[in-house]
Structures are given as C-alpha cells and as structure tokens.
Amino acid sequence: METVYAAAGGDEGLLRLAEAWHVRVMADEVVGHAFSHGFHPRHSERLAAYWAEALGGPAAYSGQYGDETSVVRLHSGNGEHEEMDRRAIACFDQALDDVGLAEGEPLRQVLYDYFAWATTTTMARYPESAADVPEDLRIPRWSWDGLQR
C-alpha cells in the first residue's frame, strides 16, 4: 500500500502544505503569536521534512535537523493552550483546502487526523517545562490506520 507521504505528493506536496499552513497561521491573531518571537527561516521546509518522516517518507528530519525530543521541547513549557491548538488545527484544515484536498478524500482525513493528534498529544504533553521532555524520543509514525505502534 502507498504511504501517506507518497499519496500527499512526497516532499514537494508536503512542502506546499507546510507553506499553506504557515501562511494561515501567520494570519491568525492567536496562533501567529507563537511565531511572534521569530522562527527559523526554513521553517516550512523543516516542518515538511518532519511531516514526511512521520508519514512514511525518508528520515530526513532526523538526519538533518534533530529528533522528536527537540521538536517536543520547542512546543513545551508554554502552559496550556487549548484555544491556540484548536485554531492551529483549523488553520491546517484551511491549508488542506488551499492545496486542493477536497472534503471526503481519504488522504485529507488522514492528514487532518494526524495533525490534530500531534497537536493535542505529543506537542501538548509537557505544558509546564521543556525540561520535562524525555531524551531520545522518536518521531511517531502515522499511516492510513493512524498511529503505528
């Protein structure tokens, strides 16, 4: 069976999605606040590489940028932020529209489910302190059936 990564258009398709999401986030007054202190100039490329690895593609993120521990630490220690999470997920849903994934498409649902899961679980697991994040976390893998164990 084709991976979610391949069905999403591989590196190029996920980069388009990451760029569309980033545009939506920057326009959102609540979620955009997370980027108000700056962000990596290649944020969309790094995000696309992370998604690629999580969705069955090459391990480029781990090989070039860092591991799951570093990603989770970036998202930790900021307190509870359920409204921001909801809005980030809404921005992702709009980005799916922006890249042409129609409602009802299995790929769209899988991507949405992955993003919502990652946003509300792994990226929100350590609200008190980034120091709480364990070492050696691995990027979770997501497939057509959800989280792979």
C-alpha atoms as a PDB file:
ATOM      1  CA  MET A   1       0.000   0.000   0.000  1.00  0.00           C
ATOM      2  CA  GLU A   2       1.190   3.517  -0.813  1.00  0.00           C
ATOM      3  CA  THR A   3       2.381   5.543   2.170  1.00  0.00           C
ATOM      4  CA  VAL A   4       0.560   8.672   3.287  1.00  0.00           C
ATOM      5  CA  TYR A   5       3.789  10.504   2.416  1.00  0.00           C
ATOM      6  CA  ALA A   6       3.631   9.308  -1.207  1.00  0.00           C
ATOM      7  CA  ALA A   7      -0.107   9.946  -1.515  1.00  0.00           C
ATOM      8  CA  ALA A   8       0.427  13.508  -0.243  1.00  0.00           C
ATOM      9  CA  GLY A   9       2.888  14.197  -3.057  1.00  0.00           C
ATOM     10  CA  GLY A  10       6.103  13.383  -1.247  1.00  0.00           C
ATOM     11  CA  ASP A  11       8.473  16.153  -0.231  1.00  0.00           C
ATOM     12  CA  GLU A  12       7.020  18.617  -2.728  1.00  0.00           C
ATOM     13  CA  GLY A  13       3.412  18.038  -1.714  1.00  0.00           C
ATOM     14  CA  LEU A  14       4.170  18.299   1.988  1.00  0.00           C
ATOM     15  CA  LEU A  15       6.198  21.462   1.431  1.00  0.00           C
ATOM     16  CA  ARG A  16       3.187  23.027  -0.320  1.00  0.00           C
ATOM     17  CA  LEU A  17       1.009  22.015   2.629  1.00  0.00           C
ATOM     18  CA  ALA A  18       3.503  23.342   5.189  1.00  0.00           C
ATOM     19  CA  GLU A  19       3.737  26.649   3.337  1.00  0.00           C
ATOM     20  CA  ALA A  20      -0.054  26.938   3.106  1.00  0.00           C
ATOM     21  CA  TRP A  21      -0.396  26.172   6.819  1.00  0.00           C
ATOM     22  CA  HIS A  22       2.286  28.691   7.733  1.00  0.00           C
ATOM     23  CA  VAL A  23       0.516  31.441   5.746  1.00  0.00           C
ATOM     24  CA  ARG A  24      -2.744  30.634   7.538  1.00  0.00           C
ATOM     25  CA  VAL A  25      -1.076  30.565  10.955  1.00  0.00           C
ATOM     26  CA  MET A  26       0.705  33.865  10.458  1.00  0.00           C
ATOM     27  CA  ALA A  27      -2.625  35.480   9.584  1.00  0.00           C
ATOM     28  CA  ASP A  28      -4.290  34.132  12.728  1.00  0.00           C
ATOM     29  CA  GLU A  29      -4.001  36.518  15.681  1.00  0.00           C
ATOM     30  CA  VAL A  30      -3.910  33.736  18.278  1.00  0.00           C
ATOM     31  CA  VAL A  31      -1.736  31.103  16.604  1.00  0.00           C
ATOM     32  CA  GLY A  32       0.504  33.697  14.997  1.00  0.00           C
ATOM     33  CA  HIS A  33       1.538  34.733  18.493  1.00  0.00           C
ATOM     34  CA  ALA A  34       3.581  31.524  18.751  1.00  0.00           C
ATOM     35  CA  PHE A  35       5.782  32.899  15.969  1.00  0.00           C
ATOM     36  CA  SER A  36       5.958  36.470  17.294  1.00  0.00           C
ATOM     37  CA  HIS A  37       9.438  35.926  18.720  1.00  0.00           C
ATOM     38  CA  GLY A  38      10.738  34.739  15.377  1.00  0.00           C
ATOM     39  CA  PHE A  39      11.117  31.395  13.670  1.00  0.00           C
ATOM     40  CA  HIS A  40      13.674  29.545  11.617  1.00  0.00           C
ATOM     41  CA  PRO A  41      13.965  30.996   8.091  1.00  0.00           C
ATOM     42  CA  ARG A  42      13.435  27.490   6.680  1.00  0.00           C
ATOM     43  CA  HIS A  43      10.513  26.700   8.990  1.00  0.00           C
ATOM     44  CA  SER A  44       8.236  25.363   6.259  1.00  0.00           C
ATOM     45  CA  GLU A  45      10.959  23.126   4.816  1.00  0.00           C
ATOM     46  CA  ARG A  46      11.796  21.741   8.234  1.00  0.00           C
ATOM     47  CA  LEU A  47       8.115  21.183   9.046  1.00  0.00           C
ATOM     48  CA  ALA A  48       7.582  19.404   5.720  1.00  0.00           C
ATOM     49  CA  ALA A  49      10.594  17.161   6.424  1.00  0.00           C
ATOM     50  CA  TYR A  50       9.183  16.351   9.867  1.00  0.00           C
ATOM     51  CA  TRP A  51       5.772  15.504   8.425  1.00  0.00           C
ATOM     52  CA  ALA A  52       7.423  13.448   5.668  1.00  0.00           C
ATOM     53  CA  GLU A  53       9.239  11.304   8.196  1.00  0.00           C
ATOM     54  CA  ALA A  54       6.125  10.895  10.340  1.00  0.00           C
ATOM     55  CA  LEU A  55       4.002   9.932   7.326  1.00  0.00           C
ATOM     56  CA  GLY A  56       6.216   7.180   5.934  1.00  0.00           C
ATOM     57  CA  GLY A  57       8.809   9.128   3.984  1.00  0.00           C
ATOM     58  CA  PRO A  58      12.566   9.358   4.392  1.00  0.00           C
ATOM     59  CA  ALA A  59      14.161  10.127   7.751  1.00  0.00           C
ATOM     60  CA  ALA A  60      15.473  13.482   6.509  1.00  0.00           C
ATOM     61  CA  TYR A  61      14.268  15.415   9.530  1.00  0.00           C
ATOM     62  CA  SER A  62      16.071  13.149  11.989  1.00  0.00           C
ATOM     63  CA  GLY A  63      19.113  13.074   9.760  1.00  0.00           C
ATOM     64  CA  GLN A  64      19.412  16.849   9.279  1.00  0.00           C
ATOM     65  CA  TYR A  65      17.550  18.773  11.953  1.00  0.00           C
ATOM     66  CA  GLY A  66      17.026  16.847  15.165  1.00  0.00           C
ATOM     67  CA  ASP A  67      14.927  14.260  16.901  1.00  0.00           C
ATOM     68  CA  GLU A  68      11.473  14.132  18.397  1.00  0.00           C
ATOM     69  CA  THR A  69      12.808  15.320  21.743  1.00  0.00           C
ATOM     70  CA  SER A  70      13.998  18.585  20.192  1.00  0.00           C
ATOM     71  CA  VAL A  71      10.680  19.121  18.402  1.00  0.00           C
ATOM     72  CA  VAL A  72       8.604  18.446  21.508  1.00  0.00           C
ATOM     73  CA  ARG A  73      10.835  20.736  23.580  1.00  0.00           C
ATOM     74  CA  LEU A  74      10.171  23.571  21.127  1.00  0.00           C
ATOM     75  CA  HIS A  75       6.467  23.149  21.819  1.00  0.00           C
ATOM     76  CA  SER A  76       6.760  22.675  25.591  1.00  0.00           C
ATOM     77  CA  GLY A  77       6.822  24.874  28.665  1.00  0.00           C
ATOM     78  CA  ASN A  78       4.241  27.335  27.388  1.00  0.00           C
ATOM     79  CA  GLY A  79       1.362  26.338  29.644  1.00  0.00           C
ATOM     80  CA  GLU A  80      -1.980  25.016  28.484  1.00  0.00           C
ATOM     81  CA  HIS A  81      -3.057  26.452  25.127  1.00  0.00           C
ATOM     82  CA  GLU A  82      -6.166  24.613  24.002  1.00  0.00           C
ATOM     83  CA  GLU A  83      -7.577  27.594  22.076  1.00  0.00           C
ATOM     84  CA  MET A  84      -4.314  28.007  20.189  1.00  0.00           C
ATOM     85  CA  ASP A  85      -4.309  24.289  19.403  1.00  0.00           C
ATOM     86  CA  ARG A  86      -7.893  24.419  18.101  1.00  0.00           C
ATOM     87  CA  ARG A  87      -7.033  27.368  15.903  1.00  0.00           C
ATOM     88  CA  ALA A  88      -3.835  25.737  14.621  1.00  0.00           C
ATOM     89  CA  ILE A  89      -5.912  22.708  13.625  1.00  0.00           C
ATOM     90  CA  ALA A  90      -8.464  24.982  11.911  1.00  0.00           C
ATOM     91  CA  CYS A  91      -5.602  26.648  10.010  1.00  0.00           C
ATOM     92  CA  PHE A  92      -4.419  23.199   8.937  1.00  0.00           C
ATOM     93  CA  ASP A  93      -7.907  22.322   7.723  1.00  0.00           C
ATOM     94  CA  GLN A  94      -7.946  25.522   5.660  1.00  0.00           C
ATOM     95  CA  ALA A  95      -4.461  24.736   4.325  1.00  0.00           C
ATOM     96  CA  LEU A  96      -5.793  21.381   3.132  1.00  0.00           C
ATOM     97  CA  ASP A  97      -8.342  23.364   1.107  1.00  0.00           C
ATOM     98  CA  ASP A  98      -5.579  25.643  -0.155  1.00  0.00           C
ATOM     99  CA  VAL A  99      -3.599  22.725  -1.594  1.00  0.00           C
ATOM    100  CA  GLY A 100      -6.695  21.250  -3.242  1.00  0.00           C
ATOM    101  CA  LEU A 101      -7.610  18.340  -0.996  1.00  0.00           C
ATOM    102  CA  ALA A 102     -11.379  18.069  -1.133  1.00  0.00           C
ATOM    103  CA  GLU A 103     -13.657  17.199   1.777  1.00  0.00           C
ATOM    104  CA  GLY A 104     -14.309  13.480   1.921  1.00  0.00           C
ATOM    105  CA  GLU A 105     -10.987  12.434   0.374  1.00  0.00           C
ATOM    106  CA  PRO A 106      -9.342   9.714   2.468  1.00  0.00           C
ATOM    107  CA  LEU A 107      -5.967  11.459   2.216  1.00  0.00           C
ATOM    108  CA  ARG A 108      -7.396  14.683   3.572  1.00  0.00           C
ATOM    109  CA  GLN A 109      -8.937  12.888   6.551  1.00  0.00           C
ATOM    110  CA  VAL A 110      -5.727  11.015   7.353  1.00  0.00           C
ATOM    111  CA  LEU A 111      -3.658  14.225   7.207  1.00  0.00           C
ATOM    112  CA  TYR A 112      -6.200  16.082   9.334  1.00  0.00           C
ATOM    113  CA  ASP A 113      -6.336  13.261  11.892  1.00  0.00           C
ATOM    114  CA  TYR A 114      -2.544  13.166  12.083  1.00  0.00           C
ATOM    115  CA  PHE A 115      -2.183  16.908  12.564  1.00  0.00           C
ATOM    116  CA  ALA A 116      -4.958  17.085  15.179  1.00  0.00           C
ATOM    117  CA  TRP A 117      -3.484  14.138  17.066  1.00  0.00           C
ATOM    118  CA  ALA A 118       0.071  15.522  17.031  1.00  0.00           C
ATOM    119  CA  THR A 119      -1.100  18.992  18.071  1.00  0.00           C
ATOM    120  CA  THR A 120      -3.187  17.821  21.008  1.00  0.00           C
ATOM    121  CA  THR A 121      -0.981  14.983  22.251  1.00  0.00           C
ATOM    122  CA  THR A 122       2.753  14.939  21.609  1.00  0.00           C
ATOM    123  CA  MET A 123       3.148  18.694  21.150  1.00  0.00           C
ATOM    124  CA  ALA A 124       0.948  19.500  24.165  1.00  0.00           C
ATOM    125  CA  ARG A 125       2.172  16.819  26.565  1.00  0.00           C
ATOM    126  CA  TYR A 126       4.617  18.964  28.574  1.00  0.00           C
ATOM    127  CA  PRO A 127       2.960  22.325  29.254  1.00  0.00           C
ATOM    128  CA  GLU A 128       4.933  23.133  32.401  1.00  0.00           C
ATOM    129  CA  SER A 129       8.542  22.859  31.253  1.00  0.00           C
ATOM    130  CA  ALA A 130      10.597  21.774  28.261  1.00  0.00           C
ATOM    131  CA  ALA A 131      12.916  20.157  30.816  1.00  0.00           C
ATOM    132  CA  ASP A 132      10.172  17.575  31.441  1.00  0.00           C
ATOM    133  CA  VAL A 133      10.566  16.158  27.913  1.00  0.00           C
ATOM    134  CA  PRO A 134      12.421  12.826  27.976  1.00  0.00           C
ATOM    135  CA  GLU A 135      15.578  12.252  25.957  1.00  0.00           C
ATOM    136  CA  ASP A 136      15.635  10.023  22.875  1.00  0.00           C
ATOM    137  CA  LEU A 137      12.009  10.376  21.771  1.00  0.00           C
ATOM    138  CA  ARG A 138      11.390   9.077  18.275  1.00  0.00           C
ATOM    139  CA  ILE A 139       9.196  10.726  15.671  1.00  0.00           C
ATOM    140  CA  PRO A 140       5.840   8.931  15.835  1.00  0.00           C
ATOM    141  CA  ARG A 141       4.828   7.211  12.608  1.00  0.00           C
ATOM    142  CA  TRP A 142       1.346   7.695  11.179  1.00  0.00           C
ATOM    143  CA  SER A 143      -0.269   5.632   8.452  1.00  0.00           C
ATOM    144  CA  TRP A 144      -3.660   5.129   6.863  1.00  0.00           C
ATOM    145  CA  ASP A 145      -4.726   3.325  10.033  1.00  0.00           C
ATOM    146  CA  GLY A 146      -3.484   6.035  12.376  1.00  0.00           C
ATOM    147  CA  LEU A 147      -0.618   5.851  14.846  1.00  0.00           C
ATOM    148  CA  GLN A 148       1.733   2.950  14.225  1.00  0.00           C
ATOM    149  CA  ARG A 149       2.907   1.210  17.376  1.00  0.00           C
END
